[in-house]
Amino acid sequence: MTDQSSQPNPEKDLSAQNLPGQRGDLGEEIRVQRGMFGATSGGDTSGYGGLVRSIRLPGPATRPYGGYFDEVADELEGALEEQGLVPENAIEKTVVDRGELTFHIAREHLVRVARTLRDDPALRFELCTGVSGVHYPGDKGRELHAVYHLRSLTHGRRLRLEVSAPDSDPHVPSLVAVYPTNDWHERETYDFFGLVFDGHPALTRIMMPDDWQGFPQRKDYPLGGIPVEYKGAQIPAPDQRRSYS
């Protein structure tokens, strides 16, 4: 069998305009995906086995960001400076991608940044609609990400905060003290991704049984082979099911 990982990536020879959603050389390439679903073994029945594309995280934006994004960035940086915190130490990068503003925050400064966004009169991001977990196995040293969606009801604005943690140290501070409704969202993210939210008042599994092994929404989690009973029957693993091709 040919080692596909050593084959060239034809995307690099194409113009970014020819591939929808591509960012060209911008951002950081974390892996090259071959095939529609990243499968490396077994027969391909999807018809997408020849697909090759770079998986990139968007890179930092440069000013002007556009719209209200510059004002929010200026106000946040100024408010952090007033607290004696160098903004570059807290904000790892600012990303503007597909019309959305995201601040990548160092995890040790997450609580302070969130409280500043909530309380500063020029910012007033009073509502956090939840936290989402993301798993990038190829993003070495930053495999686990937590993404917070914030809204300002006062100013009619929205943004995202994103923090990362290595798989070897999956800890981020809890924001329940700042946004109490994150209580259940942090439990769900812990349950499915294994991110530990330090300071959470009662961090427990919310969907899976307490003794469940592993975190089902990580991308390296097995797709089958777990016995699941349904009306007395069991669902076999994918490689043991009937083939129709």
C-alpha atoms as a PDB file:
ATOM      1  CA  MET A   1       0.000   0.000   0.000  1.00  0.00           C
ATOM      2  CA  THR A   2       1.284   3.459  -0.901  1.00  0.00           C
ATOM      3  CA  ASP A   3       2.085   5.759   1.983  1.00  0.00           C
ATOM      4  CA  GLN A   4      -0.327   8.643   1.320  1.00  0.00           C
ATOM      5  CA  SER A   5       1.290  10.869   3.936  1.00  0.00           C
ATOM      6  CA  SER A   6       4.401  11.138   1.728  1.00  0.00           C
ATOM      7  CA  GLN A   7       2.506  12.106  -1.403  1.00  0.00           C
ATOM      8  CA  PRO A   8       2.482  15.734  -2.551  1.00  0.00           C
ATOM      9  CA  ASN A   9      -0.372  18.028  -1.713  1.00  0.00           C
ATOM     10  CA  PRO A  10      -1.809  19.242  -5.035  1.00  0.00           C
ATOM     11  CA  GLU A  11      -3.640  22.055  -3.299  1.00  0.00           C
ATOM     12  CA  LYS A  12      -0.376  23.938  -2.929  1.00  0.00           C
ATOM     13  CA  ASP A  13      -0.185  24.240  -6.724  1.00  0.00           C
ATOM     14  CA  LEU A  14      -3.643  25.784  -7.062  1.00  0.00           C
ATOM     15  CA  SER A  15      -4.802  29.326  -6.633  1.00  0.00           C
ATOM     16  CA  ALA A  16      -6.737  29.895  -3.415  1.00  0.00           C
ATOM     17  CA  GLN A  17      -9.566  31.362  -5.502  1.00  0.00           C
ATOM     18  CA  ASN A  18     -10.139  27.972  -7.118  1.00  0.00           C
ATOM     19  CA  LEU A  19     -10.974  26.273  -3.828  1.00  0.00           C
ATOM     20  CA  PRO A  20     -13.925  27.592  -1.805  1.00  0.00           C
ATOM     21  CA  GLY A  21     -13.163  28.375   1.806  1.00  0.00           C
ATOM     22  CA  GLN A  22      -9.371  28.192   1.408  1.00  0.00           C
ATOM     23  CA  ARG A  23      -7.048  30.763   2.910  1.00  0.00           C
ATOM     24  CA  GLY A  24      -4.031  30.226   0.677  1.00  0.00           C
ATOM     25  CA  ASP A  25      -0.809  30.584   2.664  1.00  0.00           C
ATOM     26  CA  LEU A  26      -2.507  32.497   5.492  1.00  0.00           C
ATOM     27  CA  GLY A  27      -2.780  30.889   8.891  1.00  0.00           C
ATOM     28  CA  GLU A  28      -1.135  27.785  10.243  1.00  0.00           C
ATOM     29  CA  GLU A  29      -1.404  24.418   8.554  1.00  0.00           C
ATOM     30  CA  ILE A  30      -2.001  21.752  11.190  1.00  0.00           C
ATOM     31  CA  ARG A  31      -2.459  18.783   8.869  1.00  0.00           C
ATOM     32  CA  VAL A  32      -3.233  17.635   5.333  1.00  0.00           C
ATOM     33  CA  GLN A  33      -6.474  15.686   5.016  1.00  0.00           C
ATOM     34  CA  ARG A  34      -6.758  12.993   2.394  1.00  0.00           C
ATOM     35  CA  GLY A  35     -10.228  11.710   1.679  1.00  0.00           C
ATOM     36  CA  MET A  36     -13.531  13.116   2.846  1.00  0.00           C
ATOM     37  CA  PHE A  37     -13.481  11.814   6.402  1.00  0.00           C
ATOM     38  CA  GLY A  38      -9.780  11.298   7.088  1.00  0.00           C
ATOM     39  CA  ALA A  39     -10.027   7.507   7.049  1.00  0.00           C
ATOM     40  CA  THR A  40      -6.683   5.783   6.417  1.00  0.00           C
ATOM     41  CA  SER A  41      -7.831   2.196   5.922  1.00  0.00           C
ATOM     42  CA  GLY A  42     -10.730   0.285   4.417  1.00  0.00           C
ATOM     43  CA  GLY A  43     -12.577   0.704   1.142  1.00  0.00           C
ATOM     44  CA  ASP A  44     -13.814   4.136   0.122  1.00  0.00           C
ATOM     45  CA  THR A  45     -17.517   4.163  -0.766  1.00  0.00           C
ATOM     46  CA  SER A  46     -18.043   7.919  -0.487  1.00  0.00           C
ATOM     47  CA  GLY A  47     -16.494   8.892  -3.813  1.00  0.00           C
ATOM     48  CA  TYR A  48     -14.282  11.461  -2.058  1.00  0.00           C
ATOM     49  CA  GLY A  49     -11.208   9.278  -1.559  1.00  0.00           C
ATOM     50  CA  GLY A  50      -9.122  11.483  -3.855  1.00  0.00           C
ATOM     51  CA  LEU A  51      -9.822  14.728  -1.994  1.00  0.00           C
ATOM     52  CA  VAL A  52      -6.679  16.410  -0.653  1.00  0.00           C
ATOM     53  CA  ARG A  53      -6.824  19.682   1.264  1.00  0.00           C
ATOM     54  CA  SER A  54      -4.881  21.580   3.886  1.00  0.00           C
ATOM     55  CA  ILE A  55      -6.485  22.047   7.276  1.00  0.00           C
ATOM     56  CA  ARG A  56      -5.526  25.518   8.461  1.00  0.00           C
ATOM     57  CA  LEU A  57      -6.293  27.630  11.478  1.00  0.00           C
ATOM     58  CA  PRO A  58      -6.842  31.281  10.509  1.00  0.00           C
ATOM     59  CA  GLY A  59      -3.894  33.539  11.181  1.00  0.00           C
ATOM     60  CA  PRO A  60      -3.860  36.842  13.081  1.00  0.00           C
ATOM     61  CA  ALA A  61      -5.549  39.804  11.436  1.00  0.00           C
ATOM     62  CA  THR A  62      -3.938  43.181  10.849  1.00  0.00           C
ATOM     63  CA  ARG A  63      -5.559  46.532  11.479  1.00  0.00           C
ATOM     64  CA  PRO A  64      -7.899  47.970  10.526  1.00  0.00           C
ATOM     65  CA  TYR A  65     -10.174  45.083  11.441  1.00  0.00           C
ATOM     66  CA  GLY A  66     -13.291  46.839  10.167  1.00  0.00           C
ATOM     67  CA  GLY A  67     -16.655  47.696  11.674  1.00  0.00           C
ATOM     68  CA  TYR A  68     -16.812  47.879  15.453  1.00  0.00           C
ATOM     69  CA  PHE A  69     -13.971  45.367  15.810  1.00  0.00           C
ATOM     70  CA  ASP A  70     -11.284  48.073  16.113  1.00  0.00           C
ATOM     71  CA  GLU A  71     -13.217  49.916  18.804  1.00  0.00           C
ATOM     72  CA  VAL A  72     -13.734  46.737  20.838  1.00  0.00           C
ATOM     73  CA  ALA A  73     -10.035  45.796  20.516  1.00  0.00           C
ATOM     74  CA  ASP A  74      -8.927  49.295  21.554  1.00  0.00           C
ATOM     75  CA  GLU A  75     -11.259  49.401  24.541  1.00  0.00           C
ATOM     76  CA  LEU A  76     -10.236  45.933  25.725  1.00  0.00           C
ATOM     77  CA  GLU A  77      -6.515  46.631  25.411  1.00  0.00           C
ATOM     78  CA  GLY A  78      -6.916  49.960  27.205  1.00  0.00           C
ATOM     79  CA  ALA A  79      -8.931  48.405  30.029  1.00  0.00           C
ATOM     80  CA  LEU A  80      -6.321  45.678  30.537  1.00  0.00           C
ATOM     81  CA  GLU A  81      -3.532  48.260  30.635  1.00  0.00           C
ATOM     82  CA  GLU A  82      -5.426  50.177  33.322  1.00  0.00           C
ATOM     83  CA  GLN A  83      -5.330  46.978  35.391  1.00  0.00           C
ATOM     84  CA  GLY A  84      -1.556  46.716  34.972  1.00  0.00           C
ATOM     85  CA  LEU A  85      -1.707  43.872  32.464  1.00  0.00           C
ATOM     86  CA  VAL A  86       0.205  44.050  29.210  1.00  0.00           C
ATOM     87  CA  PRO A  87      -2.405  43.275  26.512  1.00  0.00           C
ATOM     88  CA  GLU A  88       0.049  41.168  24.470  1.00  0.00           C
ATOM     89  CA  ASN A  89       0.501  38.864  27.469  1.00  0.00           C
ATOM     90  CA  ALA A  90      -3.233  38.153  27.636  1.00  0.00           C
ATOM     91  CA  ILE A  91      -4.272  38.326  23.970  1.00  0.00           C
ATOM     92  CA  GLU A  92      -2.222  35.822  22.000  1.00  0.00           C
ATOM     93  CA  LYS A  93      -3.722  36.850  18.663  1.00  0.00           C
ATOM     94  CA  THR A  94      -6.741  38.616  17.231  1.00  0.00           C
ATOM     95  CA  VAL A  95      -8.479  36.859  14.347  1.00  0.00           C
ATOM     96  CA  VAL A  96     -11.014  38.329  11.948  1.00  0.00           C
ATOM     97  CA  ASP A  97     -12.335  35.551   9.750  1.00  0.00           C
ATOM     98  CA  ARG A  98     -15.603  35.255   7.824  1.00  0.00           C
ATOM     99  CA  GLY A  99     -16.901  38.447   9.393  1.00  0.00           C
ATOM    100  CA  GLU A 100     -16.329  37.297  12.986  1.00  0.00           C
ATOM    101  CA  LEU A 101     -13.993  38.633  15.665  1.00  0.00           C
ATOM    102  CA  THR A 102     -12.106  36.182  17.889  1.00  0.00           C
ATOM    103  CA  PHE A 103      -9.631  36.965  20.649  1.00  0.00           C
ATOM    104  CA  HIS A 104      -7.283  34.075  21.434  1.00  0.00           C
ATOM    105  CA  ILE A 105      -6.592  34.398  25.150  1.00  0.00           C
ATOM    106  CA  ALA A 106      -3.836  32.883  27.289  1.00  0.00           C
ATOM    107  CA  ARG A 107      -5.688  30.560  29.635  1.00  0.00           C
ATOM    108  CA  GLU A 108      -4.169  32.044  32.797  1.00  0.00           C
ATOM    109  CA  HIS A 109      -5.727  35.427  31.913  1.00  0.00           C
ATOM    110  CA  LEU A 110      -9.116  34.158  30.714  1.00  0.00           C
ATOM    111  CA  VAL A 111     -11.111  35.106  33.828  1.00  0.00           C
ATOM    112  CA  ARG A 112      -9.728  38.643  33.944  1.00  0.00           C
ATOM    113  CA  VAL A 113     -10.370  39.231  30.248  1.00  0.00           C
ATOM    114  CA  ALA A 114     -13.927  37.870  30.510  1.00  0.00           C
ATOM    115  CA  ARG A 115     -14.706  40.002  33.560  1.00  0.00           C
ATOM    116  CA  THR A 116     -13.306  43.072  31.804  1.00  0.00           C
ATOM    117  CA  LEU A 117     -15.450  42.418  28.736  1.00  0.00           C
ATOM    118  CA  ARG A 118     -18.506  42.058  30.960  1.00  0.00           C
ATOM    119  CA  ASP A 119     -17.992  45.021  33.291  1.00  0.00           C
ATOM    120  CA  ASP A 120     -16.274  47.759  31.275  1.00  0.00           C
ATOM    121  CA  PRO A 121     -18.932  50.354  30.299  1.00  0.00           C
ATOM    122  CA  ALA A 122     -17.538  50.674  26.760  1.00  0.00           C
ATOM    123  CA  LEU A 123     -17.702  46.904  26.225  1.00  0.00           C
ATOM    124  CA  ARG A 124     -20.581  45.433  28.242  1.00  0.00           C
ATOM    125  CA  PHE A 125     -20.583  41.869  26.914  1.00  0.00           C
ATOM    126  CA  GLU A 126     -23.143  40.810  29.482  1.00  0.00           C
ATOM    127  CA  LEU A 127     -24.159  37.488  27.941  1.00  0.00           C
ATOM    128  CA  CYS A 128     -22.165  34.336  27.284  1.00  0.00           C
ATOM    129  CA  THR A 129     -24.261  31.924  25.240  1.00  0.00           C
ATOM    130  CA  GLY A 130     -22.045  28.978  26.111  1.00  0.00           C
ATOM    131  CA  VAL A 131     -18.700  27.301  25.633  1.00  0.00           C
ATOM    132  CA  SER A 132     -17.895  24.840  22.851  1.00  0.00           C
ATOM    133  CA  GLY A 133     -15.081  22.316  22.861  1.00  0.00           C
ATOM    134  CA  VAL A 134     -12.891  21.636  19.831  1.00  0.00           C
ATOM    135  CA  HIS A 135     -10.254  18.946  19.352  1.00  0.00           C
ATOM    136  CA  TYR A 136      -7.378  19.473  16.905  1.00  0.00           C
ATOM    137  CA  PRO A 137      -5.110  16.410  17.237  1.00  0.00           C
ATOM    138  CA  GLY A 138      -2.625  17.963  14.803  1.00  0.00           C
ATOM    139  CA  ASP A 139      -2.311  21.242  16.716  1.00  0.00           C
ATOM    140  CA  LYS A 140       0.591  20.034  18.844  1.00  0.00           C
ATOM    141  CA  GLY A 141       0.695  21.503  22.326  1.00  0.00           C
ATOM    142  CA  ARG A 142      -2.750  23.090  21.805  1.00  0.00           C
ATOM    143  CA  GLU A 143      -4.875  20.070  20.990  1.00  0.00           C
ATOM    144  CA  LEU A 144      -7.899  21.128  23.056  1.00  0.00           C
ATOM    145  CA  HIS A 145      -9.697  24.419  22.514  1.00  0.00           C
ATOM    146  CA  ALA A 146     -12.584  26.080  24.351  1.00  0.00           C
ATOM    147  CA  VAL A 147     -14.581  28.696  22.459  1.00  0.00           C
ATOM    148  CA  TYR A 148     -16.852  31.201  24.236  1.00  0.00           C
ATOM    149  CA  HIS A 149     -19.545  33.154  22.393  1.00  0.00           C
ATOM    150  CA  LEU A 150     -20.218  36.583  23.931  1.00  0.00           C
ATOM    151  CA  ARG A 151     -22.903  39.125  23.170  1.00  0.00           C
ATOM    152  CA  SER A 152     -23.309  42.734  24.226  1.00  0.00           C
ATOM    153  CA  LEU A 153     -26.993  43.494  24.694  1.00  0.00           C
ATOM    154  CA  THR A 154     -26.125  47.100  25.479  1.00  0.00           C
ATOM    155  CA  HIS A 155     -24.182  47.786  22.268  1.00  0.00           C
ATOM    156  CA  GLY A 156     -25.602  45.079  19.990  1.00  0.00           C
ATOM    157  CA  ARG A 157     -22.233  43.427  19.370  1.00  0.00           C
ATOM    158  CA  ARG A 158     -20.776  39.943  19.503  1.00  0.00           C
ATOM    159  CA  LEU A 159     -17.361  38.299  19.633  1.00  0.00           C
ATOM    160  CA  ARG A 160     -15.664  35.070  20.580  1.00  0.00           C
ATOM    161  CA  LEU A 161     -12.961  34.156  23.066  1.00  0.00           C
ATOM    162  CA  GLU A 162     -10.837  31.104  22.416  1.00  0.00           C
ATOM    163  CA  VAL A 163      -8.352  29.398  24.729  1.00  0.00           C
ATOM    164  CA  SER A 164      -6.239  26.321  24.156  1.00  0.00           C
ATOM    165  CA  ALA A 165      -4.660  23.666  26.340  1.00  0.00           C
ATOM    166  CA  PRO A 166      -2.393  20.713  25.609  1.00  0.00           C
ATOM    167  CA  ASP A 167      -3.767  17.199  25.787  1.00  0.00           C
ATOM    168  CA  SER A 168      -1.175  16.502  28.488  1.00  0.00           C
ATOM    169  CA  ASP A 169      -2.540  19.329  30.695  1.00  0.00           C
ATOM    170  CA  PRO A 170      -6.223  19.793  29.770  1.00  0.00           C
ATOM    171  CA  HIS A 171      -6.991  22.551  32.280  1.00  0.00           C
ATOM    172  CA  VAL A 172      -8.650  25.943  31.728  1.00  0.00           C
ATOM    173  CA  PRO A 173     -10.190  28.217  34.363  1.00  0.00           C
ATOM    174  CA  SER A 174     -13.945  28.129  34.853  1.00  0.00           C
ATOM    175  CA  LEU A 175     -15.996  31.189  33.913  1.00  0.00           C
ATOM    176  CA  VAL A 176     -19.004  30.259  36.048  1.00  0.00           C
ATOM    177  CA  ALA A 177     -18.133  33.049  38.511  1.00  0.00           C
ATOM    178  CA  VAL A 178     -18.337  35.569  35.646  1.00  0.00           C
ATOM    179  CA  TYR A 179     -21.110  33.977  33.561  1.00  0.00           C
ATOM    180  CA  PRO A 180     -23.154  31.652  35.848  1.00  0.00           C
ATOM    181  CA  THR A 181     -25.062  30.072  32.929  1.00  0.00           C
ATOM    182  CA  ASN A 182     -21.791  28.473  31.812  1.00  0.00           C
ATOM    183  CA  ASP A 183     -22.282  25.940  34.623  1.00  0.00           C
ATOM    184  CA  TRP A 184     -23.965  23.335  32.406  1.00  0.00           C
ATOM    185  CA  HIS A 185     -22.029  24.211  29.258  1.00  0.00           C
ATOM    186  CA  GLU A 186     -18.713  23.598  31.003  1.00  0.00           C
ATOM    187  CA  ARG A 187     -19.995  20.264  32.308  1.00  0.00           C
ATOM    188  CA  GLU A 188     -20.961  19.198  28.795  1.00  0.00           C
ATOM    189  CA  THR A 189     -17.603  20.274  27.348  1.00  0.00           C
ATOM    190  CA  TYR A 190     -15.813  18.375  30.096  1.00  0.00           C
ATOM    191  CA  ASP A 191     -17.979  15.317  29.475  1.00  0.00           C
ATOM    192  CA  PHE A 192     -17.381  15.170  25.718  1.00  0.00           C
ATOM    193  CA  PHE A 193     -13.870  16.617  25.347  1.00  0.00           C
ATOM    194  CA  GLY A 194     -12.149  16.087  28.700  1.00  0.00           C
ATOM    195  CA  LEU A 195     -11.390  19.761  29.299  1.00  0.00           C
ATOM    196  CA  VAL A 196     -11.123  20.310  33.048  1.00  0.00           C
ATOM    197  CA  PHE A 197     -12.560  23.671  34.143  1.00  0.00           C
ATOM    198  CA  ASP A 198     -10.677  24.591  37.291  1.00  0.00           C
ATOM    199  CA  GLY A 199     -12.882  26.301  39.865  1.00  0.00           C
ATOM    200  CA  HIS A 200     -16.168  24.910  38.559  1.00  0.00           C
ATOM    201  CA  PRO A 201     -18.551  24.421  41.511  1.00  0.00           C
ATOM    202  CA  ALA A 202     -19.475  20.813  40.596  1.00  0.00           C
ATOM    203  CA  LEU A 203     -17.721  19.494  37.509  1.00  0.00           C
ATOM    204  CA  THR A 204     -19.404  16.178  36.690  1.00  0.00           C
ATOM    205  CA  ARG A 205     -20.428  14.291  33.568  1.00  0.00           C
ATOM    206  CA  ILE A 206     -23.762  15.468  32.240  1.00  0.00           C
ATOM    207  CA  MET A 207     -24.569  13.026  29.418  1.00  0.00           C
ATOM    208  CA  MET A 208     -22.326   9.980  29.764  1.00  0.00           C
ATOM    209  CA  PRO A 209     -22.311   7.607  32.773  1.00  0.00           C
ATOM    210  CA  ASP A 210     -19.921   8.579  35.563  1.00  0.00           C
ATOM    211  CA  ASP A 211     -17.694   5.553  34.900  1.00  0.00           C
ATOM    212  CA  TRP A 212     -17.502   6.056  31.118  1.00  0.00           C
ATOM    213  CA  GLN A 213     -13.998   5.765  29.695  1.00  0.00           C
ATOM    214  CA  GLY A 214     -12.853   8.440  27.258  1.00  0.00           C
ATOM    215  CA  PHE A 215     -14.426  11.525  25.729  1.00  0.00           C
ATOM    216  CA  PRO A 216     -16.744  10.787  22.794  1.00  0.00           C
ATOM    217  CA  GLN A 217     -16.347  13.984  20.759  1.00  0.00           C
ATOM    218  CA  ARG A 218     -12.581  13.896  20.495  1.00  0.00           C
ATOM    219  CA  LYS A 219     -11.466  13.136  16.971  1.00  0.00           C
ATOM    220  CA  ASP A 220      -9.322  10.196  18.073  1.00  0.00           C
ATOM    221  CA  TYR A 221     -12.252   8.513  19.820  1.00  0.00           C
ATOM    222  CA  PRO A 222     -13.135   5.127  18.252  1.00  0.00           C
ATOM    223  CA  LEU A 223     -16.130   5.223  15.923  1.00  0.00           C
ATOM    224  CA  GLY A 224     -17.449   1.813  16.905  1.00  0.00           C
ATOM    225  CA  GLY A 225     -16.876  -1.352  18.839  1.00  0.00           C
ATOM    226  CA  ILE A 226     -18.763  -0.191  21.933  1.00  0.00           C
ATOM    227  CA  PRO A 227     -21.636  -2.572  22.755  1.00  0.00           C
ATOM    228  CA  VAL A 228     -24.899  -0.626  22.626  1.00  0.00           C
ATOM    229  CA  GLU A 229     -28.114  -2.509  23.304  1.00  0.00           C
ATOM    230  CA  TYR A 230     -31.279  -1.645  21.414  1.00  0.00           C
ATOM    231  CA  LYS A 231     -34.387  -3.659  22.257  1.00  0.00           C
ATOM    232  CA  GLY A 232     -32.321  -6.703  23.092  1.00  0.00           C
ATOM    233  CA  ALA A 233     -30.008  -6.443  20.071  1.00  0.00           C
ATOM    234  CA  GLN A 234     -26.502  -5.036  19.819  1.00  0.00           C
ATOM    235  CA  ILE A 235     -25.083  -2.628  17.261  1.00  0.00           C
ATOM    236  CA  PRO A 236     -21.845  -4.053  15.805  1.00  0.00           C
ATOM    237  CA  ALA A 237     -18.736  -2.026  15.098  1.00  0.00           C
ATOM    238  CA  PRO A 238     -18.583  -0.404  11.609  1.00  0.00           C
ATOM    239  CA  ASP A 239     -16.074  -2.933  10.282  1.00  0.00           C
ATOM    240  CA  GLN A 240     -18.377  -5.777  11.274  1.00  0.00           C
ATOM    241  CA  ARG A 241     -21.563  -4.505   9.671  1.00  0.00           C
ATOM    242  CA  ARG A 242     -23.072  -5.732   6.423  1.00  0.00           C
ATOM    243  CA  SER A 243     -21.545  -4.208   3.320  1.00  0.00           C
ATOM    244  CA  TYR A 244     -23.794  -3.028   0.503  1.00  0.00           C
ATOM    245  CA  SER A 245     -21.038  -2.157  -1.979  1.00  0.00           C
END
